Amino acid sequence: MDMNQRWQRPLPDDRLTPYIEIDAARLESNLQAMQEKASRAGVTLRPHIKTHKSLFIARRQRALGACGITVSKPSEGEVFIRGGERDILLAYPVIRAASVATLLKLAAQHEAKVTLIVDAQHGVAAIADAQRQQPDADVAVAIKVDVGLHRIGVDPHGHDAVALAQAIQAAQLPFAGLVSHAGHAYGAGHPEAIAQIALEEARLMQQVQRQLREAGFTACPISVGATPTALAAPVATGTDEIRPGNYALLDLTACRLGLSRVDDLALSVISRVVAVNRHFAIIDAGSKMLSSDKGPHGTSASGFGIAVDEQGVCYEIAKLSEEHGFIAWQEKAPRVGALLRIYPNHSCAVMAQSDSYVLRYADGCAETQPIDARGQFI
């Protein structure tokens, strides 16, 4: 990562620390850039809100042109339906009808559409059971394809997708096409390798799509989702929808992969130095604020983020305890009481730690916004 980038930003001392700060202008720039990329490619954008968990940000994404949202867990989807979202993809496998009962009840009450995913026959059975219990819910089912992460999804080289589509049809559930997540792109290391993963993802998805079309499933849209592939490569021909999430805020992982610059990062954590000894400068943000995440899916930073003082001096956060961060200093330590801006490794993990964030505007004014779906892991 290029340490000659512009790390320094104003550090207004206007509230207690630590807190998450989201730069409003950088957020807007990131949102607009991805929407413009999707629009130019003629595909829909369905951002994954697991990154920000914020109704305010989701509404801005929709206002710019997003077709709907992607959520991680049913309870997360429930928050966003209550908050006004009406087209939701739950990108998590359903294996029990009970897990989506409340989600489908809310969807029926608010006339929201919910797309669920499956990668096995038991998933179809569970969704069919849930649909029978909530017949007024607008539910569709997509098939998850494993394009290389090897987490969940049907093998693109086998024939499970056709059997699943037939089971979805037999259960009288609308078929919503194919979805994938090339999360292994995070471990590719550089943009050229990530772009190759995006091409392979497109090839595998189109291979499965051909199987389904030959079996009579002519309406079979393709939805792909990951910020690295969305940033590193053009949208592949034949794609109908993209579902990146991290792009809204970005983080040091995106910088280390060569996908963004520090000046693009919308999220940081404002912390204060509370002690200095001959070994470390100690800050008031620990693992309960920053998380202990060194990066998703194969990325691994040497520390827990980069802290920057008011002069633009950068320090690596060497270790964390629950409420403290440890900054190893060399020639000069930051002073006790100094504010530091921390750029974390993984913005999704940081947002999951707090109840609110501070939205900071270019003129220095700020407002506090809730992280509405924080803690929704069921």
Protein backbone atom coordinates (compact mmCIF):
# COMPACT_ATOMS: atom_id res chain seq x y z
CA MET A 1 0.00 0.00 0.00
CA ASP A 2 1.36 3.41 -0.99
CA MET A 3 2.10 5.36 2.20
CA ASN A 4 2.56 8.54 0.15
CA GLN A 5 -1.20 8.89 -0.29
CA ARG A 6 -3.15 11.68 1.39
CA TRP A 7 -3.97 10.39 4.88
CA GLN A 8 -4.52 13.66 6.72
CA ARG A 9 -7.99 15.11 7.26
CA PRO A 10 -9.36 17.66 9.74
CA LEU A 11 -9.92 16.35 13.26
CA PRO A 12 -12.60 18.52 14.87
CA ASP A 13 -12.71 18.09 18.64
CA ASP A 14 -16.48 18.39 19.02
CA ARG A 15 -17.59 15.21 20.82
CA LEU A 16 -16.51 12.35 23.03
CA THR A 17 -14.44 9.55 21.55
CA PRO A 18 -14.26 6.95 20.17
CA TYR A 19 -16.81 7.12 17.37
CA ILE A 20 -17.29 6.10 13.77
CA GLU A 21 -17.16 8.97 11.31
CA ILE A 22 -18.50 8.69 7.77
CA ASP A 23 -17.45 11.43 5.38
CA ALA A 24 -20.64 12.49 3.57
CA ALA A 25 -18.91 13.66 0.38
CA ARG A 26 -16.80 10.53 0.04
CA LEU A 27 -19.82 8.34 0.74
CA GLU A 28 -21.81 10.10 -1.96
CA SER A 29 -18.95 9.82 -4.44
CA ASN A 30 -18.63 6.06 -3.83
CA LEU A 31 -22.39 5.52 -4.15
CA GLN A 32 -22.62 7.53 -7.35
CA ALA A 33 -19.61 5.84 -8.96
CA MET A 34 -21.02 2.32 -8.50
CA GLN A 35 -24.50 3.32 -9.62
CA GLU A 36 -23.02 4.94 -12.72
CA LYS A 37 -21.01 1.79 -13.47
CA ALA A 38 -24.13 -0.35 -13.22
CA SER A 39 -26.20 2.04 -15.31
CA ARG A 40 -23.56 2.26 -18.06
CA ALA A 41 -23.42 -1.55 -18.21
CA GLY A 42 -27.22 -1.80 -18.37
CA VAL A 43 -27.49 -3.88 -15.19
CA THR A 44 -29.37 -3.33 -11.97
CA LEU A 45 -27.56 -2.52 -8.72
CA ARG A 46 -28.77 -4.28 -5.58
CA PRO A 47 -26.26 -3.16 -2.92
CA HIS A 48 -25.51 -5.35 0.05
CA ILE A 49 -26.38 -3.34 3.15
CA LYS A 50 -24.44 -5.65 5.52
CA THR A 51 -21.59 -3.15 5.21
CA HIS A 52 -23.37 -0.08 6.54
CA LYS A 53 -26.59 -1.47 8.12
CA SER A 54 -27.98 2.05 7.80
CA LEU A 55 -31.45 3.03 6.57
CA PHE A 56 -30.12 6.50 5.76
CA ILE A 57 -27.45 5.12 3.42
CA ALA A 58 -29.78 2.52 1.88
CA ARG A 59 -32.30 5.23 1.07
CA ARG A 60 -29.59 7.22 -0.65
CA GLN A 61 -28.60 4.14 -2.66
CA ARG A 62 -32.20 3.68 -3.75
CA ALA A 63 -32.57 7.39 -4.60
CA LEU A 64 -29.56 7.10 -6.91
CA GLY A 65 -31.12 4.16 -8.77
CA ALA A 66 -30.60 0.90 -6.88
CA CYS A 67 -33.36 -1.61 -7.65
CA GLY A 68 -33.49 -3.02 -4.13
CA ILE A 69 -31.13 -4.25 -1.45
CA THR A 70 -29.29 -7.38 -0.37
CA VAL A 71 -29.28 -8.44 3.29
CA SER A 72 -27.33 -11.04 5.25
CA LYS A 73 -29.86 -12.38 7.73
CA PRO A 74 -33.67 -12.43 8.03
CA SER A 75 -33.68 -10.09 11.04
CA GLU A 76 -31.59 -7.61 9.06
CA GLY A 77 -34.19 -7.75 6.30
CA GLU A 78 -36.95 -7.16 8.84
CA VAL A 79 -35.32 -3.87 9.92
CA PHE A 80 -35.15 -2.67 6.34
CA ILE A 81 -38.72 -3.66 5.48
CA ARG A 82 -39.90 -1.71 8.52
CA GLY A 83 -37.70 1.13 7.27
CA GLY A 84 -39.37 1.26 3.87
CA GLU A 85 -37.47 -1.16 1.62
CA ARG A 86 -39.75 -3.17 -0.64
CA ASP A 87 -37.43 -5.42 -2.70
CA ILE A 88 -35.03 -7.57 -0.71
CA LEU A 89 -32.69 -10.44 -1.52
CA LEU A 90 -31.71 -12.54 1.48
CA ALA A 91 -28.24 -13.78 0.54
CA TYR A 92 -28.17 -16.53 3.14
CA PRO A 93 -29.37 -20.13 2.81
CA VAL A 94 -32.73 -21.00 4.34
CA ILE A 95 -32.80 -24.46 5.93
CA ARG A 96 -35.73 -23.99 8.37
CA ALA A 97 -39.09 -22.38 7.64
CA ALA A 98 -39.08 -20.77 11.08
CA SER A 99 -36.01 -18.68 10.24
CA VAL A 100 -37.93 -16.61 7.68
CA ALA A 101 -41.40 -16.68 9.24
CA THR A 102 -41.27 -13.13 10.62
CA LEU A 103 -39.59 -11.79 7.50
CA LEU A 104 -42.32 -13.18 5.25
CA LYS A 105 -45.05 -11.96 7.58
CA LEU A 106 -43.62 -8.44 7.40
CA ALA A 107 -43.22 -8.73 3.65
CA ALA A 108 -46.91 -9.59 3.30
CA GLN A 109 -47.95 -6.73 5.59
CA HIS A 110 -45.83 -4.16 3.74
CA GLU A 111 -46.25 -5.58 0.22
CA ALA A 112 -42.52 -6.19 -0.10
CA LYS A 113 -40.91 -8.71 -2.41
CA VAL A 114 -38.42 -11.15 -0.88
CA THR A 115 -36.02 -13.32 -2.89
CA LEU A 116 -34.51 -16.27 -1.02
CA ILE A 117 -31.63 -18.51 -2.07
CA VAL A 118 -31.08 -22.26 -2.04
CA ASP A 119 -28.26 -24.64 -2.83
CA ALA A 120 -29.93 -27.91 -1.80
CA GLN A 121 -33.28 -29.66 -1.86
CA HIS A 122 -33.87 -29.14 1.87
CA GLY A 123 -33.77 -25.39 1.24
CA VAL A 124 -36.56 -25.63 -1.30
CA ALA A 125 -38.63 -27.69 1.15
CA ALA A 126 -38.09 -25.15 3.95
CA ILE A 127 -39.07 -22.19 1.74
CA ALA A 128 -42.12 -24.03 0.43
CA ASP A 129 -43.16 -24.70 4.03
CA ALA A 130 -42.66 -21.03 4.95
CA GLN A 131 -44.67 -19.93 1.92
CA ARG A 132 -47.56 -22.23 2.87
CA GLN A 133 -47.62 -20.61 6.32
CA GLN A 134 -47.58 -17.10 4.78
CA PRO A 135 -49.34 -17.45 1.41
CA ASP A 136 -49.73 -13.68 0.91
CA ALA A 137 -45.98 -13.08 0.89
CA ASP A 138 -44.37 -12.26 -2.46
CA VAL A 139 -41.52 -14.80 -2.48
CA ALA A 140 -39.15 -15.90 -5.22
CA VAL A 141 -36.27 -18.36 -5.06
CA ALA A 142 -32.82 -18.10 -6.64
CA ILE A 143 -30.12 -20.76 -6.83
CA LYS A 144 -26.74 -19.99 -5.28
CA VAL A 145 -23.74 -21.08 -7.37
CA ASP A 146 -20.30 -21.72 -5.87
CA VAL A 147 -17.91 -19.85 -8.16
CA GLY A 148 -14.79 -20.46 -6.08
CA LEU A 149 -15.25 -19.34 -2.47
CA HIS A 150 -16.42 -22.87 -1.54
CA ARG A 151 -18.74 -21.67 1.20
CA ILE A 152 -22.21 -22.44 -0.11
CA GLY A 153 -23.63 -22.95 -3.57
CA VAL A 154 -24.15 -25.67 -6.14
CA ASP A 155 -21.18 -27.02 -8.06
CA PRO A 156 -21.24 -25.24 -11.45
CA HIS A 157 -19.73 -28.31 -13.09
CA GLY A 158 -22.53 -30.62 -11.95
CA HIS A 159 -26.27 -30.82 -12.62
CA ASP A 160 -27.67 -29.87 -9.22
CA ALA A 161 -28.90 -26.51 -10.48
CA VAL A 162 -31.34 -28.14 -12.90
CA ALA A 163 -32.67 -30.48 -10.23
CA LEU A 164 -33.11 -27.55 -7.84
CA ALA A 165 -34.91 -25.45 -10.44
CA GLN A 166 -37.26 -28.36 -11.08
CA ALA A 167 -37.89 -28.69 -7.33
CA ILE A 168 -38.61 -24.94 -7.11
CA GLN A 169 -41.06 -25.29 -9.99
CA ALA A 170 -42.69 -28.35 -8.44
CA ALA A 171 -43.17 -26.41 -5.20
CA GLN A 172 -44.94 -23.71 -7.24
CA LEU A 173 -42.41 -21.10 -6.20
CA PRO A 174 -41.28 -18.43 -8.69
CA PHE A 175 -37.75 -19.06 -9.95
CA ALA A 176 -35.51 -15.96 -9.66
CA GLY A 177 -32.38 -17.15 -11.47
CA LEU A 178 -28.80 -17.51 -10.27
CA VAL A 179 -26.76 -15.66 -7.65
CA SER A 180 -23.06 -15.85 -6.78
CA HIS A 181 -20.49 -14.26 -4.50
CA ALA A 182 -16.83 -14.31 -5.56
CA GLY A 183 -15.58 -13.59 -2.05
CA HIS A 184 -12.34 -15.43 -2.79
CA ALA A 185 -11.38 -12.38 -4.87
CA TYR A 186 -10.28 -10.74 -1.60
CA GLY A 187 -7.43 -13.25 -1.45
CA ALA A 188 -6.27 -12.63 -5.02
CA GLY A 189 -3.90 -9.85 -4.01
CA HIS A 190 -4.05 -7.39 -6.90
CA PRO A 191 -6.54 -5.97 -9.44
CA GLU A 192 -5.42 -8.07 -12.41
CA ALA A 193 -5.92 -11.34 -10.52
CA ILE A 194 -9.27 -10.11 -9.20
CA ALA A 195 -10.36 -9.25 -12.74
CA GLN A 196 -9.54 -12.82 -13.80
CA ILE A 197 -11.75 -14.14 -11.00
CA ALA A 198 -14.57 -11.90 -12.25
CA LEU A 199 -14.19 -13.34 -15.75
CA GLU A 200 -14.22 -16.90 -14.40
CA GLU A 201 -17.28 -16.13 -12.29
CA ALA A 202 -19.09 -14.89 -15.41
CA ARG A 203 -18.05 -17.98 -17.37
CA LEU A 204 -19.27 -20.37 -14.67
CA MET A 205 -22.56 -18.53 -14.20
CA GLN A 206 -23.26 -18.54 -17.91
CA GLN A 207 -22.41 -22.25 -18.05
CA VAL A 208 -25.05 -23.00 -15.40
CA GLN A 209 -27.49 -20.61 -17.09
CA ARG A 210 -27.13 -22.58 -20.36
CA GLN A 211 -27.93 -25.83 -18.52
CA LEU A 212 -31.08 -24.32 -17.08
CA ARG A 213 -32.22 -22.81 -20.36
CA GLU A 214 -31.73 -26.14 -22.09
CA ALA A 215 -33.91 -27.67 -19.37
CA GLY A 216 -36.66 -25.16 -20.14
CA PHE A 217 -35.92 -22.42 -17.60
CA THR A 218 -35.60 -19.64 -20.13
CA ALA A 219 -36.03 -16.81 -17.62
CA CYS A 220 -32.78 -17.18 -15.69
CA PRO A 221 -31.15 -13.85 -14.75
CA ILE A 222 -27.63 -13.73 -13.34
CA SER A 223 -26.81 -11.76 -10.19
CA VAL A 224 -23.20 -11.43 -8.99
CA GLY A 225 -21.93 -9.73 -5.88
CA ALA A 226 -18.57 -8.65 -4.45
CA THR A 227 -16.90 -5.27 -4.20
CA PRO A 228 -13.44 -6.40 -5.42
CA THR A 229 -14.77 -7.83 -8.68
CA ALA A 230 -17.13 -4.87 -9.12
CA LEU A 231 -14.21 -2.43 -8.81
CA ALA A 232 -11.49 -4.39 -10.61
CA ALA A 233 -13.31 -5.46 -13.77
CA PRO A 234 -15.97 -4.28 -16.19
CA VAL A 235 -19.42 -5.76 -15.63
CA ALA A 236 -19.37 -8.99 -17.60
CA THR A 237 -21.63 -9.35 -20.61
CA GLY A 238 -24.62 -11.49 -19.72
CA THR A 239 -24.82 -10.21 -16.16
CA ASP A 240 -28.19 -8.81 -15.11
CA GLU A 241 -27.46 -7.54 -11.58
CA ILE A 242 -24.53 -6.66 -9.33
CA ARG A 243 -24.59 -6.75 -5.51
CA PRO A 244 -21.46 -5.13 -4.03
CA GLY A 245 -21.60 -3.85 -0.46
CA ASN A 246 -18.26 -2.64 0.85
CA TYR A 247 -17.91 -0.08 -1.98
CA ALA A 248 -20.10 2.39 -0.08
CA LEU A 249 -17.55 2.91 2.71
CA LEU A 250 -14.37 1.08 1.63
CA ASP A 251 -11.45 0.32 3.97
CA LEU A 252 -7.75 -0.48 4.09
CA THR A 253 -8.36 -3.89 2.56
CA ALA A 254 -9.59 -2.21 -0.62
CA CYS A 255 -6.49 0.00 -0.58
CA ARG A 256 -4.13 -2.94 -0.07
CA LEU A 257 -5.75 -4.73 -3.01
CA GLY A 258 -5.16 -1.67 -5.19
CA LEU A 259 -8.88 -1.08 -5.66
CA SER A 260 -9.12 2.32 -3.99
CA ARG A 261 -7.04 5.11 -2.55
CA VAL A 262 -7.03 6.28 1.04
CA ASP A 263 -8.72 9.47 -0.10
CA ASP A 264 -11.74 7.37 -1.20
CA LEU A 265 -12.33 5.87 2.25
CA ALA A 266 -15.60 7.16 3.64
CA LEU A 267 -15.34 5.44 7.03
CA SER A 268 -12.84 6.07 9.79
CA VAL A 269 -12.83 5.90 13.58
CA ILE A 270 -11.96 8.95 15.65
CA SER A 271 -10.03 8.04 18.78
CA ARG A 272 -8.00 9.79 21.46
CA VAL A 273 -4.63 9.03 23.02
CA VAL A 274 -5.17 8.25 26.70
CA ALA A 275 -1.65 7.24 27.77
CA VAL A 276 1.91 7.09 26.48
CA ASN A 277 4.68 4.87 27.81
CA ARG A 278 8.10 3.90 26.48
CA HIS A 279 6.56 1.00 24.56
CA PHE A 280 3.22 2.23 23.22
CA ALA A 281 0.82 5.10 22.83
CA ILE A 282 -2.55 3.87 24.11
CA ILE A 283 -5.83 4.93 22.48
CA ASP A 284 -9.45 4.65 23.61
CA ALA A 285 -10.53 2.38 20.72
CA GLY A 286 -10.02 -1.34 21.21
CA SER A 287 -11.45 -4.52 19.76
CA LYS A 288 -14.97 -3.57 20.86
CA MET A 289 -14.75 -0.53 18.55
CA LEU A 290 -12.42 -1.56 15.74
CA SER A 291 -13.02 -5.34 15.78
CA SER A 292 -10.06 -7.70 15.56
CA ASP A 293 -10.58 -8.22 11.83
CA LYS A 294 -7.44 -8.12 9.71
CA GLY A 295 -9.40 -8.36 6.48
CA PRO A 296 -11.96 -10.66 4.82
CA HIS A 297 -11.48 -13.91 2.89
CA GLY A 298 -7.74 -14.40 2.74
CA THR A 299 -6.49 -10.85 3.29
CA SER A 300 -4.39 -10.37 6.40
CA ALA A 301 -2.97 -7.04 7.52
CA SER A 302 0.01 -6.84 9.86
CA GLY A 303 -1.93 -4.66 12.32
CA PHE A 304 -5.42 -3.46 13.15
CA GLY A 305 -5.55 -0.24 11.17
CA ILE A 306 -3.58 2.94 10.50
CA ALA A 307 -3.96 5.90 12.85
CA VAL A 308 -3.20 9.43 11.61
CA ASP A 309 -2.64 12.49 13.77
CA GLU A 310 -3.43 16.16 13.04
CA GLN A 311 -0.03 16.63 11.32
CA GLY A 312 -0.57 13.66 9.02
CA VAL A 313 1.86 11.33 10.82
CA CYS A 314 0.79 7.70 10.40
CA TYR A 315 1.04 4.97 13.01
CA GLU A 316 0.10 1.30 12.79
CA ILE A 317 -2.13 -0.11 15.52
CA ALA A 318 -0.04 -3.05 16.70
CA LYS A 319 -2.47 -4.81 19.02
CA LEU A 320 -5.82 -4.46 20.74
CA SER A 321 -7.42 -5.20 24.06
CA GLU A 322 -11.14 -4.75 24.53
CA GLU A 323 -11.15 -0.99 25.22
CA HIS A 324 -7.60 0.00 24.27
CA GLY A 325 -5.49 0.10 21.14
CA PHE A 326 -1.69 -0.09 21.24
CA ILE A 327 0.34 2.07 18.87
CA ALA A 328 4.02 1.19 18.64
CA TRP A 329 5.90 4.47 18.25
CA GLN A 330 9.47 4.99 17.14
CA GLU A 331 10.95 8.47 17.20
CA LYS A 332 8.05 10.54 18.49
CA ALA A 333 4.86 9.49 20.25
CA PRO A 334 1.54 11.27 19.81
CA ARG A 335 0.72 13.42 22.84
CA VAL A 336 -1.79 12.39 25.50
CA GLY A 337 -5.18 13.85 24.58
CA ALA A 338 -4.42 14.03 20.84
CA LEU A 339 -7.11 12.98 18.42
CA LEU A 340 -6.28 10.30 15.86
CA ARG A 341 -8.19 9.22 12.78
CA ILE A 342 -8.10 5.45 12.33
CA TYR A 343 -8.61 3.80 8.97
CA PRO A 344 -9.68 0.21 9.79
CA ASN A 345 -8.99 -2.98 7.89
CA HIS A 346 -12.63 -3.93 7.39
CA SER A 347 -15.43 -1.38 7.48
CA CYS A 348 -18.22 -4.00 7.64
CA ALA A 349 -16.86 -5.38 10.91
CA VAL A 350 -16.45 -1.91 12.41
CA MET A 351 -20.02 -0.85 11.60
CA ALA A 352 -21.29 -4.01 13.29
CA GLN A 353 -19.72 -2.89 16.57
CA SER A 354 -21.53 0.40 17.23
CA ASP A 355 -25.07 1.71 17.59
CA SER A 356 -24.48 4.93 15.61
CA TYR A 357 -22.10 6.84 13.39
CA VAL A 358 -21.33 10.50 12.84
CA LEU A 359 -22.04 11.74 9.32
CA ARG A 360 -19.56 14.56 8.71
CA TYR A 361 -20.15 17.14 5.98
CA ALA A 362 -17.54 19.14 4.10
CA ASP A 363 -18.20 22.28 6.14
CA GLY A 364 -17.42 20.41 9.36
CA CYS A 365 -21.03 20.12 10.48
CA ALA A 366 -22.13 16.67 11.57
CA GLU A 367 -25.18 14.65 12.51
CA THR A 368 -25.53 11.36 14.33
CA GLN A 369 -27.22 8.52 12.44
CA PRO A 370 -28.26 5.14 13.86
CA ILE A 371 -26.76 1.88 12.63
CA ASP A 372 -30.28 0.52 12.36
CA ALA A 373 -29.57 -3.17 11.78
CA ARG A 374 -26.68 -3.48 14.20
CA GLY A 375 -26.87 -6.75 16.14
CA GLN A 376 -29.32 -8.42 13.74
CA PHE A 377 -27.59 -11.78 13.32
CA ILE A 378 -30.56 -14.20 13.33
